[in-house]
C-alpha atoms as a PDB file:
ATOM      1  CA  UNK A   1     133.055  70.924  58.832  1.00  0.00           C
ATOM      2  CA  UNK A   2     129.332  70.352  59.315  1.00  0.00           C
ATOM      3  CA  UNK A   3     128.377  73.604  57.632  1.00  0.00           C
ATOM      4  CA  UNK A   4     129.810  72.449  54.324  1.00  0.00           C
ATOM      5  CA  UNK A   5     128.317  68.944  54.453  1.00  0.00           C
ATOM      6  CA  UNK A   6     124.756  69.581  55.646  1.00  0.00           C
ATOM      7  CA  UNK A   7     121.869  71.920  54.956  1.00  0.00           C
ATOM      8  CA  UNK A   8     121.688  74.857  57.379  1.00  0.00           C
ATOM      9  CA  UNK A   9     118.468  73.512  58.880  1.00  0.00           C
ATOM     10  CA  UNK A  10     120.121  70.117  59.489  1.00  0.00           C
ATOM     11  CA  UNK A  11     123.294  71.308  61.215  1.00  0.00           C
ATOM     12  CA  UNK A  12     121.880  71.142  64.746  1.00  0.00           C
ATOM     13  CA  UNK A  13     120.628  67.591  64.179  1.00  0.00           C
ATOM     14  CA  UNK A  14     123.917  66.599  62.565  1.00  0.00           C
ATOM     15  CA  UNK A  15     125.831  67.959  65.569  1.00  0.00           C
ATOM     16  CA  UNK A  16     123.663  65.889  67.912  1.00  0.00           C
ATOM     17  CA  UNK A  17     124.218  62.784  65.809  1.00  0.00           C
ATOM     18  CA  UNK A  18     127.983  63.338  65.781  1.00  0.00           C
ATOM     19  CA  UNK A  19     127.966  63.734  69.570  1.00  0.00           C
ATOM     20  CA  UNK A  20     125.898  60.558  69.909  1.00  0.00           C
ATOM     21  CA  UNK A  21     128.278  58.629  67.647  1.00  0.00           C
ATOM     22  CA  UNK A  22     131.301  59.813  69.637  1.00  0.00           C
ATOM     23  CA  UNK A  23     129.639  58.827  72.930  1.00  0.00           C
ATOM     24  CA  UNK A  24     128.654  55.423  71.589  1.00  0.00           C
ATOM     25  CA  UNK A  25     132.179  54.838  70.297  1.00  0.00           C
ATOM     26  CA  UNK A  26     133.510  55.411  73.805  1.00  0.00           C
ATOM     27  CA  UNK A  27     130.815  53.115  75.179  1.00  0.00           C
ATOM     28  CA  UNK A  28     131.757  50.342  72.728  1.00  0.00           C
ATOM     29  CA  UNK A  29     135.409  50.671  73.707  1.00  0.00           C
ATOM     30  CA  UNK A  30     134.535  50.469  77.404  1.00  0.00           C
ATOM     31  CA  UNK A  31     132.302  47.415  76.973  1.00  0.00           C
ATOM     32  CA  UNK A  32     134.855  45.579  74.839  1.00  0.00           C
ATOM     33  CA  UNK A  33     137.603  46.182  77.393  1.00  0.00           C
ATOM     34  CA  UNK A  34     135.321  44.923  80.167  1.00  0.00           C
ATOM     35  CA  UNK A  35     134.410  41.864  78.145  1.00  0.00           C
ATOM     36  CA  UNK A  36     130.744  42.802  77.907  1.00  0.00           C
ATOM     37  CA  UNK A  37     130.364  42.015  74.233  1.00  0.00           C
ATOM     38  CA  UNK A  38     126.563  41.927  74.194  1.00  0.00           C
ATOM     39  CA  UNK A  39     126.440  45.532  75.429  1.00  0.00           C
ATOM     40  CA  UNK A  40     129.158  46.473  72.914  1.00  0.00           C
ATOM     41  CA  UNK A  41     127.079  44.950  70.140  1.00  0.00           C
ATOM     42  CA  UNK A  42     123.985  46.923  71.153  1.00  0.00           C
ATOM     43  CA  UNK A  43     125.983  50.175  71.273  1.00  0.00           C
ATOM     44  CA  UNK A  44     127.500  49.345  67.873  1.00  0.00           C
ATOM     45  CA  UNK A  45     124.048  48.851  66.371  1.00  0.00           C
ATOM     46  CA  UNK A  46     122.896  52.180  67.813  1.00  0.00           C
ATOM     47  CA  UNK A  47     126.020  53.826  66.423  1.00  0.00           C
ATOM     48  CA  UNK A  48     125.339  52.334  62.988  1.00  0.00           C
ATOM     49  CA  UNK A  49     121.792  53.720  63.073  1.00  0.00           C
ATOM     50  CA  UNK A  50     123.140  57.171  63.961  1.00  0.00           C
ATOM     51  CA  UNK A  51     125.672  57.010  61.133  1.00  0.00           C
ATOM     52  CA  UNK A  52     122.914  56.051  58.697  1.00  0.00           C
ATOM     53  CA  UNK A  53     120.853  59.031  59.882  1.00  0.00           C
ATOM     54  CA  UNK A  54     123.859  61.299  59.400  1.00  0.00           C
ATOM     55  CA  UNK A  55     124.321  59.959  55.869  1.00  0.00           C
ATOM     56  CA  UNK A  56     120.646  60.632  55.142  1.00  0.00           C
ATOM     57  CA  UNK A  57     121.119  64.266  56.154  1.00  0.00           C
ATOM     58  CA  UNK A  58     124.202  64.482  53.945  1.00  0.00           C
ATOM     59  CA  UNK A  59     122.301  63.065  50.982  1.00  0.00           C
ATOM     60  CA  UNK A  60     119.567  65.655  51.514  1.00  0.00           C
ATOM     61  CA  UNK A  61     122.045  68.461  50.840  1.00  0.00           C
ATOM     62  CA  UNK A  62     123.420  66.726  47.770  1.00  0.00           C
ATOM     63  CA  UNK A  63     119.930  66.157  46.421  1.00  0.00           C
ATOM     64  CA  UNK A  64     118.852  69.738  47.029  1.00  0.00           C
ATOM     65  CA  UNK A  65     121.832  71.215  45.203  1.00  0.00           C
ATOM     66  CA  UNK A  66     121.668  68.654  42.418  1.00  0.00           C
ATOM     67  CA  UNK A  67     118.001  69.537  41.880  1.00  0.00           C
ATOM     68  CA  UNK A  68     118.763  73.268  42.042  1.00  0.00           C
ATOM     69  CA  UNK A  69     121.433  72.837  39.370  1.00  0.00           C
ATOM     70  CA  UNK A  70     118.896  71.234  37.059  1.00  0.00           C
ATOM     71  CA  UNK A  71     116.533  74.186  37.247  1.00  0.00           C
END
């Protein structure tokens, strides 16, 4: 999946971000079930930042191929 959505040089970073997002999702679930909503909120904010970074990497591939098509 990642190979088709990201530049080859970004795949390793994208994999790390995906792993981070999955870990944070589990952390949010744990904190919510324990009633620790402040910790859940912090983990959610970190997850949102990771998702934004992942989207930035995705946009880089789109931009590169869009630019290449113009040349």
